[in-house]
Amino acid sequence: MSRFLGPIRQLGYVVDDIEAAMAHWYDIMGVGPWYYNPKVPIEDYLYDGKAYEVHNSVALANSGPVQVELIQTRNDAPSMYRDFKLAGHLGLQHVAFWTQNYDGDLAKMEADGFRQKMSGKVGENGRFVYFDRQAHPGTVIELSEVVGPKGRLFDLIREASSGWDGSDPVRPFPDLSTF
Protein backbone atom coordinates (compact mmCIF):
# COMPACT_ATOMS: atom_id res chain seq x y z
CA MET A 1 0.00 0.00 0.00
CA SER A 2 1.25 3.45 -0.85
CA ARG A 3 1.96 5.96 1.87
CA PHE A 4 0.19 8.62 -0.22
CA LEU A 5 -3.46 7.72 -0.65
CA GLY A 6 -3.91 4.00 -0.11
CA PRO A 7 -3.42 1.34 -2.75
CA ILE A 8 -2.59 2.03 -6.36
CA ARG A 9 -5.83 1.31 -8.19
CA GLN A 10 -4.92 1.83 -11.85
CA LEU A 11 -1.95 1.34 -14.19
CA GLY A 12 -2.10 3.63 -17.25
CA TYR A 13 -0.35 2.56 -20.46
CA VAL A 14 0.21 4.83 -23.46
CA VAL A 15 -0.06 2.83 -26.68
CA ASP A 16 0.23 3.49 -30.41
CA ASP A 17 -2.61 1.15 -31.42
CA ILE A 18 -5.32 0.71 -28.81
CA GLU A 19 -7.17 -2.02 -30.71
CA ALA A 20 -3.99 -4.12 -30.97
CA ALA A 21 -3.18 -3.42 -27.31
CA MET A 22 -6.64 -4.59 -26.19
CA ALA A 23 -6.24 -7.75 -28.30
CA HIS A 24 -2.86 -8.45 -26.67
CA TRP A 25 -4.30 -8.01 -23.20
CA TYR A 26 -7.33 -10.26 -23.77
CA ASP A 27 -5.68 -12.88 -26.06
CA ILE A 28 -2.27 -13.19 -24.40
CA MET A 29 -2.78 -11.86 -20.87
CA GLY A 30 -6.37 -13.10 -20.39
CA VAL A 31 -7.47 -9.71 -19.03
CA GLY A 32 -10.90 -8.36 -19.89
CA PRO A 33 -13.48 -7.52 -20.83
CA TRP A 34 -12.37 -4.12 -22.10
CA TYR A 35 -14.66 -1.10 -21.98
CA TYR A 36 -13.65 1.10 -24.89
CA ASN A 37 -14.36 4.75 -25.66
CA PRO A 38 -12.89 5.98 -28.96
CA LYS A 39 -13.23 9.64 -27.88
CA VAL A 40 -13.43 10.31 -24.16
CA PRO A 41 -15.52 13.43 -23.46
CA ILE A 42 -13.06 15.35 -21.29
CA GLU A 43 -14.34 18.65 -19.89
CA ASP A 44 -12.40 21.50 -18.29
CA TYR A 45 -9.12 20.07 -19.60
CA LEU A 46 -5.99 21.98 -18.60
CA TYR A 47 -2.34 21.35 -19.35
CA ASP A 48 0.10 23.66 -17.55
CA GLY A 49 -2.89 25.84 -16.69
CA LYS A 50 -4.01 26.33 -20.32
CA ALA A 51 -7.16 24.91 -21.91
CA TYR A 52 -6.95 22.57 -24.91
CA GLU A 53 -9.27 20.24 -26.81
CA VAL A 54 -7.92 16.71 -26.51
CA HIS A 55 -8.95 13.59 -28.37
CA ASN A 56 -7.97 10.46 -26.50
CA SER A 57 -9.19 6.90 -26.94
CA VAL A 58 -9.32 4.90 -23.71
CA ALA A 59 -9.94 1.26 -22.84
CA LEU A 60 -10.37 -0.01 -19.29
CA ALA A 61 -10.33 -3.51 -17.79
CA ASN A 62 -9.54 -4.99 -14.42
CA SER A 63 -7.14 -7.70 -13.35
CA GLY A 64 -8.36 -8.40 -9.83
CA PRO A 65 -8.58 -5.12 -7.92
CA VAL A 66 -6.20 -3.29 -10.28
CA GLN A 67 -7.60 -1.48 -13.29
CA VAL A 68 -5.55 -1.35 -16.49
CA GLU A 69 -6.02 1.72 -18.69
CA LEU A 70 -4.89 1.87 -22.30
CA ILE A 71 -4.59 5.38 -23.79
CA GLN A 72 -4.06 6.41 -27.40
CA THR A 73 -3.76 10.09 -28.23
CA ARG A 74 -5.59 10.98 -31.44
CA ASN A 75 -4.54 14.63 -31.84
CA ASP A 76 -1.52 16.76 -31.05
CA ALA A 77 -2.99 18.68 -28.10
CA PRO A 78 -0.48 19.07 -25.27
CA SER A 79 -0.77 16.29 -22.71
CA MET A 80 1.42 14.19 -20.49
CA TYR A 81 0.61 11.23 -22.77
CA ARG A 82 1.93 13.14 -25.78
CA ASP A 83 5.02 14.22 -23.80
CA PHE A 84 5.65 10.58 -22.88
CA LYS A 85 5.49 9.48 -26.53
CA LEU A 86 7.61 12.42 -27.75
CA ALA A 87 10.28 11.37 -25.25
CA GLY A 88 10.37 8.01 -27.06
CA HIS A 89 8.35 6.01 -24.54
CA LEU A 90 5.44 3.63 -24.79
CA GLY A 91 4.04 1.55 -21.94
CA LEU A 92 3.38 2.39 -18.31
CA GLN A 93 2.94 6.15 -18.05
CA HIS A 94 1.09 6.60 -14.76
CA VAL A 95 -0.30 5.03 -11.63
CA ALA A 96 -3.59 6.27 -10.23
CA PHE A 97 -4.97 6.59 -6.76
CA TRP A 98 -8.75 6.72 -6.48
CA THR A 99 -10.55 9.00 -4.10
CA GLN A 100 -14.00 9.84 -2.86
CA ASN A 101 -12.55 12.92 -1.14
CA TYR A 102 -11.01 14.66 -4.15
CA ASP A 103 -10.65 18.16 -2.69
CA GLY A 104 -9.09 16.91 0.54
CA ASP A 105 -6.70 14.50 -1.14
CA LEU A 106 -5.72 17.10 -3.75
CA ALA A 107 -4.92 19.56 -0.95
CA LYS A 108 -2.84 16.87 0.81
CA MET A 109 -0.83 16.14 -2.35
CA GLU A 110 -0.22 19.83 -3.01
CA ALA A 111 0.85 20.35 0.62
CA ASP A 112 3.37 17.52 0.06
CA GLY A 113 4.87 19.47 -2.85
CA PHE A 114 3.05 17.96 -5.81
CA ARG A 115 2.16 20.42 -8.59
CA GLN A 116 -0.73 19.99 -11.02
CA LYS A 117 0.40 19.42 -14.60
CA MET A 118 -2.74 18.10 -16.34
CA SER A 119 -6.35 17.98 -15.18
CA GLY A 120 -9.92 17.71 -16.32
CA LYS A 121 -13.22 16.02 -15.71
CA VAL A 122 -15.07 13.05 -17.23
CA GLY A 123 -18.75 13.28 -16.38
CA GLU A 124 -20.24 14.42 -13.11
CA ASN A 125 -17.88 13.85 -10.16
CA GLY A 126 -15.16 12.50 -12.43
CA ARG A 127 -12.33 14.97 -11.84
CA PHE A 128 -8.73 13.93 -12.34
CA VAL A 129 -5.32 15.50 -11.97
CA TYR A 130 -1.84 14.38 -12.97
CA PHE A 131 1.11 15.73 -11.03
CA ASP A 132 4.40 16.87 -12.58
CA ARG A 133 6.70 15.03 -10.19
CA GLN A 134 8.25 11.86 -11.63
CA ALA A 135 11.49 10.02 -11.16
CA HIS A 136 11.34 8.02 -14.40
CA PRO A 137 8.71 7.04 -17.01
CA GLY A 138 5.75 5.24 -15.46
CA THR A 139 5.82 7.03 -12.12
CA VAL A 140 3.52 9.93 -12.93
CA ILE A 141 0.80 10.02 -10.27
CA GLU A 142 -2.86 10.60 -11.09
CA LEU A 143 -5.51 11.40 -8.51
CA SER A 144 -8.89 10.26 -9.83
CA GLU A 145 -12.29 11.03 -8.33
CA VAL A 146 -14.47 7.90 -8.32
CA VAL A 147 -17.92 8.86 -7.13
CA GLY A 148 -21.11 9.23 -9.14
CA PRO A 149 -21.26 7.86 -12.70
CA LYS A 150 -17.49 7.35 -13.04
CA GLY A 151 -17.41 5.40 -9.78
CA ARG A 152 -20.33 3.24 -10.95
CA LEU A 153 -18.55 2.62 -14.28
CA PHE A 154 -15.40 1.51 -12.46
CA ASP A 155 -17.51 -0.84 -10.30
CA LEU A 156 -19.12 -2.29 -13.45
CA ILE A 157 -15.71 -2.87 -15.05
CA ARG A 158 -14.34 -4.61 -11.95
CA GLU A 159 -17.46 -6.79 -11.58
CA ALA A 160 -17.40 -7.74 -15.30
CA SER A 161 -13.81 -8.97 -14.96
CA SER A 162 -14.63 -11.30 -12.08
CA GLY A 163 -15.04 -14.74 -13.63
CA TRP A 164 -14.91 -13.34 -17.19
CA ASP A 165 -15.10 -16.24 -19.66
CA GLY A 166 -13.40 -14.51 -22.60
CA SER A 167 -16.60 -13.69 -24.45
CA ASP A 168 -17.41 -10.22 -25.78
CA PRO A 169 -13.86 -8.95 -25.07
CA VAL A 170 -14.45 -5.32 -26.18
CA ARG A 171 -17.53 -3.44 -25.01
CA PRO A 172 -18.58 0.19 -25.40
CA PHE A 173 -18.50 2.64 -22.50
CA PRO A 174 -21.99 3.34 -21.23
CA ASP A 175 -23.18 6.94 -21.56
CA LEU A 176 -22.03 8.48 -18.28
CA SER A 177 -24.71 11.18 -18.46
CA THR A 178 -27.37 8.47 -17.93
CA PHE A 179 -25.30 5.94 -15.97
C-alpha atoms as a PDB file:
ATOM      1  CA  MET A   1       0.000   0.000   0.000  1.00  0.00           C
ATOM      2  CA  SER A   2       1.253   3.450  -0.847  1.00  0.00           C
ATOM      3  CA  ARG A   3       1.963   5.964   1.871  1.00  0.00           C
ATOM      4  CA  PHE A   4       0.187   8.620  -0.216  1.00  0.00           C
ATOM      5  CA  LEU A   5      -3.463   7.725  -0.646  1.00  0.00           C
ATOM      6  CA  GLY A   6      -3.906   4.002  -0.106  1.00  0.00           C
ATOM      7  CA  PRO A   7      -3.418   1.336  -2.749  1.00  0.00           C
ATOM      8  CA  ILE A   8      -2.586   2.029  -6.364  1.00  0.00           C
ATOM      9  CA  ARG A   9      -5.831   1.310  -8.194  1.00  0.00           C
ATOM     10  CA  GLN A  10      -4.916   1.828 -11.849  1.00  0.00           C
ATOM     11  CA  LEU A  11      -1.953   1.343 -14.187  1.00  0.00           C
ATOM     12  CA  GLY A  12      -2.103   3.626 -17.247  1.00  0.00           C
ATOM     13  CA  TYR A  13      -0.346   2.560 -20.457  1.00  0.00           C
ATOM     14  CA  VAL A  14       0.215   4.832 -23.457  1.00  0.00           C
ATOM     15  CA  VAL A  15      -0.059   2.826 -26.676  1.00  0.00           C
ATOM     16  CA  ASP A  16       0.235   3.488 -30.406  1.00  0.00           C
ATOM     17  CA  ASP A  17      -2.607   1.153 -31.421  1.00  0.00           C
ATOM     18  CA  ILE A  18      -5.316   0.708 -28.809  1.00  0.00           C
ATOM     19  CA  GLU A  19      -7.165  -2.018 -30.707  1.00  0.00           C
ATOM     20  CA  ALA A  20      -3.987  -4.121 -30.972  1.00  0.00           C
ATOM     21  CA  ALA A  21      -3.182  -3.415 -27.313  1.00  0.00           C
ATOM     22  CA  MET A  22      -6.638  -4.589 -26.191  1.00  0.00           C
ATOM     23  CA  ALA A  23      -6.244  -7.754 -28.301  1.00  0.00           C
ATOM     24  CA  HIS A  24      -2.865  -8.453 -26.672  1.00  0.00           C
ATOM     25  CA  TRP A  25      -4.304  -8.007 -23.199  1.00  0.00           C
ATOM     26  CA  TYR A  26      -7.326 -10.255 -23.774  1.00  0.00           C
ATOM     27  CA  ASP A  27      -5.679 -12.882 -26.059  1.00  0.00           C
ATOM     28  CA  ILE A  28      -2.268 -13.186 -24.400  1.00  0.00           C
ATOM     29  CA  MET A  29      -2.777 -11.860 -20.873  1.00  0.00           C
ATOM     30  CA  GLY A  30      -6.368 -13.097 -20.393  1.00  0.00           C
ATOM     31  CA  VAL A  31      -7.469  -9.707 -19.033  1.00  0.00           C
ATOM     32  CA  GLY A  32     -10.896  -8.356 -19.893  1.00  0.00           C
ATOM     33  CA  PRO A  33     -13.478  -7.519 -20.830  1.00  0.00           C
ATOM     34  CA  TRP A  34     -12.369  -4.117 -22.101  1.00  0.00           C
ATOM     35  CA  TYR A  35     -14.661  -1.098 -21.978  1.00  0.00           C
ATOM     36  CA  TYR A  36     -13.649   1.104 -24.894  1.00  0.00           C
ATOM     37  CA  ASN A  37     -14.359   4.754 -25.656  1.00  0.00           C
ATOM     38  CA  PRO A  38     -12.886   5.980 -28.964  1.00  0.00           C
ATOM     39  CA  LYS A  39     -13.234   9.636 -27.881  1.00  0.00           C
ATOM     40  CA  VAL A  40     -13.426  10.314 -24.162  1.00  0.00           C
ATOM     41  CA  PRO A  41     -15.521  13.427 -23.460  1.00  0.00           C
ATOM     42  CA  ILE A  42     -13.063  15.355 -21.288  1.00  0.00           C
ATOM     43  CA  GLU A  43     -14.341  18.651 -19.894  1.00  0.00           C
ATOM     44  CA  ASP A  44     -12.395  21.496 -18.289  1.00  0.00           C
ATOM     45  CA  TYR A  45      -9.116  20.067 -19.603  1.00  0.00           C
ATOM     46  CA  LEU A  46      -5.987  21.984 -18.601  1.00  0.00           C
ATOM     47  CA  TYR A  47      -2.336  21.355 -19.352  1.00  0.00           C
ATOM     48  CA  ASP A  48       0.102  23.662 -17.551  1.00  0.00           C
ATOM     49  CA  GLY A  49      -2.887  25.842 -16.693  1.00  0.00           C
ATOM     50  CA  LYS A  50      -4.005  26.333 -20.322  1.00  0.00           C
ATOM     51  CA  ALA A  51      -7.156  24.905 -21.908  1.00  0.00           C
ATOM     52  CA  TYR A  52      -6.947  22.571 -24.911  1.00  0.00           C
ATOM     53  CA  GLU A  53      -9.265  20.242 -26.809  1.00  0.00           C
ATOM     54  CA  VAL A  54      -7.917  16.712 -26.510  1.00  0.00           C
ATOM     55  CA  HIS A  55      -8.946  13.590 -28.374  1.00  0.00           C
ATOM     56  CA  ASN A  56      -7.974  10.458 -26.497  1.00  0.00           C
ATOM     57  CA  SER A  57      -9.189   6.900 -26.942  1.00  0.00           C
ATOM     58  CA  VAL A  58      -9.319   4.901 -23.709  1.00  0.00           C
ATOM     59  CA  ALA A  59      -9.937   1.262 -22.844  1.00  0.00           C
ATOM     60  CA  LEU A  60     -10.372  -0.014 -19.291  1.00  0.00           C
ATOM     61  CA  ALA A  61     -10.332  -3.512 -17.790  1.00  0.00           C
ATOM     62  CA  ASN A  62      -9.544  -4.994 -14.419  1.00  0.00           C
ATOM     63  CA  SER A  63      -7.145  -7.698 -13.346  1.00  0.00           C
ATOM     64  CA  GLY A  64      -8.357  -8.395  -9.835  1.00  0.00           C
ATOM     65  CA  PRO A  65      -8.578  -5.116  -7.925  1.00  0.00           C
ATOM     66  CA  VAL A  66      -6.197  -3.285 -10.280  1.00  0.00           C
ATOM     67  CA  GLN A  67      -7.600  -1.478 -13.293  1.00  0.00           C
ATOM     68  CA  VAL A  68      -5.551  -1.351 -16.488  1.00  0.00           C
ATOM     69  CA  GLU A  69      -6.022   1.720 -18.688  1.00  0.00           C
ATOM     70  CA  LEU A  70      -4.887   1.870 -22.303  1.00  0.00           C
ATOM     71  CA  ILE A  71      -4.589   5.379 -23.795  1.00  0.00           C
ATOM     72  CA  GLN A  72      -4.055   6.406 -27.397  1.00  0.00           C
ATOM     73  CA  THR A  73      -3.759  10.095 -28.232  1.00  0.00           C
ATOM     74  CA  ARG A  74      -5.588  10.981 -31.440  1.00  0.00           C
ATOM     75  CA  ASN A  75      -4.544  14.633 -31.841  1.00  0.00           C
ATOM     76  CA  ASP A  76      -1.522  16.765 -31.045  1.00  0.00           C
ATOM     77  CA  ALA A  77      -2.986  18.681 -28.105  1.00  0.00           C
ATOM     78  CA  PRO A  78      -0.481  19.069 -25.265  1.00  0.00           C
ATOM     79  CA  SER A  79      -0.774  16.292 -22.705  1.00  0.00           C
ATOM     80  CA  MET A  80       1.420  14.192 -20.486  1.00  0.00           C
ATOM     81  CA  TYR A  81       0.615  11.230 -22.767  1.00  0.00           C
ATOM     82  CA  ARG A  82       1.931  13.141 -25.781  1.00  0.00           C
ATOM     83  CA  ASP A  83       5.025  14.217 -23.800  1.00  0.00           C
ATOM     84  CA  PHE A  84       5.647  10.575 -22.879  1.00  0.00           C
ATOM     85  CA  LYS A  85       5.485   9.478 -26.533  1.00  0.00           C
ATOM     86  CA  LEU A  86       7.608  12.420 -27.746  1.00  0.00           C
ATOM     87  CA  ALA A  87      10.283  11.365 -25.245  1.00  0.00           C
ATOM     88  CA  GLY A  88      10.367   8.014 -27.058  1.00  0.00           C
ATOM     89  CA  HIS A  89       8.354   6.012 -24.535  1.00  0.00           C
ATOM     90  CA  LEU A  90       5.435   3.627 -24.787  1.00  0.00           C
ATOM     91  CA  GLY A  91       4.038   1.549 -21.942  1.00  0.00           C
ATOM     92  CA  LEU A  92       3.385   2.385 -18.310  1.00  0.00           C
ATOM     93  CA  GLN A  93       2.940   6.154 -18.053  1.00  0.00           C
ATOM     94  CA  HIS A  94       1.094   6.604 -14.757  1.00  0.00           C
ATOM     95  CA  VAL A  95      -0.302   5.032 -11.632  1.00  0.00           C
ATOM     96  CA  ALA A  96      -3.592   6.267 -10.233  1.00  0.00           C
ATOM     97  CA  PHE A  97      -4.967   6.589  -6.762  1.00  0.00           C
ATOM     98  CA  TRP A  98      -8.750   6.717  -6.483  1.00  0.00           C
ATOM     99  CA  THR A  99     -10.549   8.997  -4.098  1.00  0.00           C
ATOM    100  CA  GLN A 100     -13.997   9.841  -2.862  1.00  0.00           C
ATOM    101  CA  ASN A 101     -12.546  12.921  -1.143  1.00  0.00           C
ATOM    102  CA  TYR A 102     -11.012  14.660  -4.155  1.00  0.00           C
ATOM    103  CA  ASP A 103     -10.646  18.162  -2.690  1.00  0.00           C
ATOM    104  CA  GLY A 104      -9.090  16.915   0.543  1.00  0.00           C
ATOM    105  CA  ASP A 105      -6.703  14.501  -1.145  1.00  0.00           C
ATOM    106  CA  LEU A 106      -5.720  17.096  -3.750  1.00  0.00           C
ATOM    107  CA  ALA A 107      -4.920  19.559  -0.949  1.00  0.00           C
ATOM    108  CA  LYS A 108      -2.841  16.868   0.806  1.00  0.00           C
ATOM    109  CA  MET A 109      -0.830  16.140  -2.352  1.00  0.00           C
ATOM    110  CA  GLU A 110      -0.221  19.835  -3.009  1.00  0.00           C
ATOM    111  CA  ALA A 111       0.851  20.350   0.615  1.00  0.00           C
ATOM    112  CA  ASP A 112       3.367  17.521   0.056  1.00  0.00           C
ATOM    113  CA  GLY A 113       4.873  19.475  -2.853  1.00  0.00           C
ATOM    114  CA  PHE A 114       3.052  17.965  -5.811  1.00  0.00           C
ATOM    115  CA  ARG A 115       2.158  20.418  -8.588  1.00  0.00           C
ATOM    116  CA  GLN A 116      -0.728  19.990 -11.017  1.00  0.00           C
ATOM    117  CA  LYS A 117       0.397  19.420 -14.599  1.00  0.00           C
ATOM    118  CA  MET A 118      -2.740  18.101 -16.341  1.00  0.00           C
ATOM    119  CA  SER A 119      -6.346  17.985 -15.182  1.00  0.00           C
ATOM    120  CA  GLY A 120      -9.924  17.706 -16.324  1.00  0.00           C
ATOM    121  CA  LYS A 121     -13.223  16.022 -15.714  1.00  0.00           C
ATOM    122  CA  VAL A 122     -15.066  13.055 -17.226  1.00  0.00           C
ATOM    123  CA  GLY A 123     -18.750  13.280 -16.382  1.00  0.00           C
ATOM    124  CA  GLU A 124     -20.237  14.424 -13.110  1.00  0.00           C
ATOM    125  CA  ASN A 125     -17.877  13.850 -10.159  1.00  0.00           C
ATOM    126  CA  GLY A 126     -15.158  12.502 -12.427  1.00  0.00           C
ATOM    127  CA  ARG A 127     -12.328  14.966 -11.838  1.00  0.00           C
ATOM    128  CA  PHE A 128      -8.727  13.926 -12.343  1.00  0.00           C
ATOM    129  CA  VAL A 129      -5.318  15.503 -11.967  1.00  0.00           C
ATOM    130  CA  TYR A 130      -1.835  14.379 -12.967  1.00  0.00           C
ATOM    131  CA  PHE A 131       1.115  15.725 -11.030  1.00  0.00           C
ATOM    132  CA  ASP A 132       4.395  16.868 -12.576  1.00  0.00           C
ATOM    133  CA  ARG A 133       6.696  15.033 -10.187  1.00  0.00           C
ATOM    134  CA  GLN A 134       8.247  11.858 -11.630  1.00  0.00           C
ATOM    135  CA  ALA A 135      11.490  10.017 -11.164  1.00  0.00           C
ATOM    136  CA  HIS A 136      11.341   8.022 -14.401  1.00  0.00           C
ATOM    137  CA  PRO A 137       8.705   7.044 -17.008  1.00  0.00           C
ATOM    138  CA  GLY A 138       5.755   5.244 -15.458  1.00  0.00           C
ATOM    139  CA  THR A 139       5.821   7.034 -12.123  1.00  0.00           C
ATOM    140  CA  VAL A 140       3.520   9.934 -12.928  1.00  0.00           C
ATOM    141  CA  ILE A 141       0.802  10.025 -10.272  1.00  0.00           C
ATOM    142  CA  GLU A 142      -2.856  10.596 -11.088  1.00  0.00           C
ATOM    143  CA  LEU A 143      -5.507  11.402  -8.510  1.00  0.00           C
ATOM    144  CA  SER A 144      -8.891  10.260  -9.828  1.00  0.00           C
ATOM    145  CA  GLU A 145     -12.288  11.027  -8.327  1.00  0.00           C
ATOM    146  CA  VAL A 146     -14.469   7.903  -8.321  1.00  0.00           C
ATOM    147  CA  VAL A 147     -17.923   8.858  -7.129  1.00  0.00           C
ATOM    148  CA  GLY A 148     -21.109   9.228  -9.135  1.00  0.00           C
ATOM    149  CA  PRO A 149     -21.262   7.858 -12.697  1.00  0.00           C
ATOM    150  CA  LYS A 150     -17.490   7.354 -13.036  1.00  0.00           C
ATOM    151  CA  GLY A 151     -17.409   5.400  -9.782  1.00  0.00           C
ATOM    152  CA  ARG A 152     -20.331   3.238 -10.952  1.00  0.00           C
ATOM    153  CA  LEU A 153     -18.548   2.623 -14.282  1.00  0.00           C
ATOM    154  CA  PHE A 154     -15.400   1.510 -12.465  1.00  0.00           C
ATOM    155  CA  ASP A 155     -17.510  -0.841 -10.297  1.00  0.00           C
ATOM    156  CA  LEU A 156     -19.121  -2.294 -13.447  1.00  0.00           C
ATOM    157  CA  ILE A 157     -15.710  -2.874 -15.053  1.00  0.00           C
ATOM    158  CA  ARG A 158     -14.336  -4.608 -11.947  1.00  0.00           C
ATOM    159  CA  GLU A 159     -17.455  -6.789 -11.582  1.00  0.00           C
ATOM    160  CA  ALA A 160     -17.405  -7.744 -15.296  1.00  0.00           C
ATOM    161  CA  SER A 161     -13.807  -8.972 -14.956  1.00  0.00           C
ATOM    162  CA  SER A 162     -14.634 -11.303 -12.082  1.00  0.00           C
ATOM    163  CA  GLY A 163     -15.042 -14.742 -13.628  1.00  0.00           C
ATOM    164  CA  TRP A 164     -14.910 -13.340 -17.187  1.00  0.00           C
ATOM    165  CA  ASP A 165     -15.100 -16.240 -19.658  1.00  0.00           C
ATOM    166  CA  GLY A 166     -13.399 -14.512 -22.601  1.00  0.00           C
ATOM    167  CA  SER A 167     -16.605 -13.688 -24.450  1.00  0.00           C
ATOM    168  CA  ASP A 168     -17.412 -10.222 -25.779  1.00  0.00           C
ATOM    169  CA  PRO A 169     -13.864  -8.953 -25.070  1.00  0.00           C
ATOM    170  CA  VAL A 170     -14.450  -5.324 -26.178  1.00  0.00           C
ATOM    171  CA  ARG A 171     -17.533  -3.443 -25.009  1.00  0.00           C
ATOM    172  CA  PRO A 172     -18.576   0.192 -25.397  1.00  0.00           C
ATOM    173  CA  PHE A 173     -18.497   2.637 -22.499  1.00  0.00           C
ATOM    174  CA  PRO A 174     -21.993   3.340 -21.234  1.00  0.00           C
ATOM    175  CA  ASP A 175     -23.182   6.935 -21.556  1.00  0.00           C
ATOM    176  CA  LEU A 176     -22.027   8.481 -18.277  1.00  0.00           C
ATOM    177  CA  SER A 177     -24.710  11.175 -18.457  1.00  0.00           C
ATOM    178  CA  THR A 178     -27.374   8.472 -17.926  1.00  0.00           C
ATOM    179  CA  PHE A 179     -25.299   5.939 -15.972  1.00  0.00           C
END
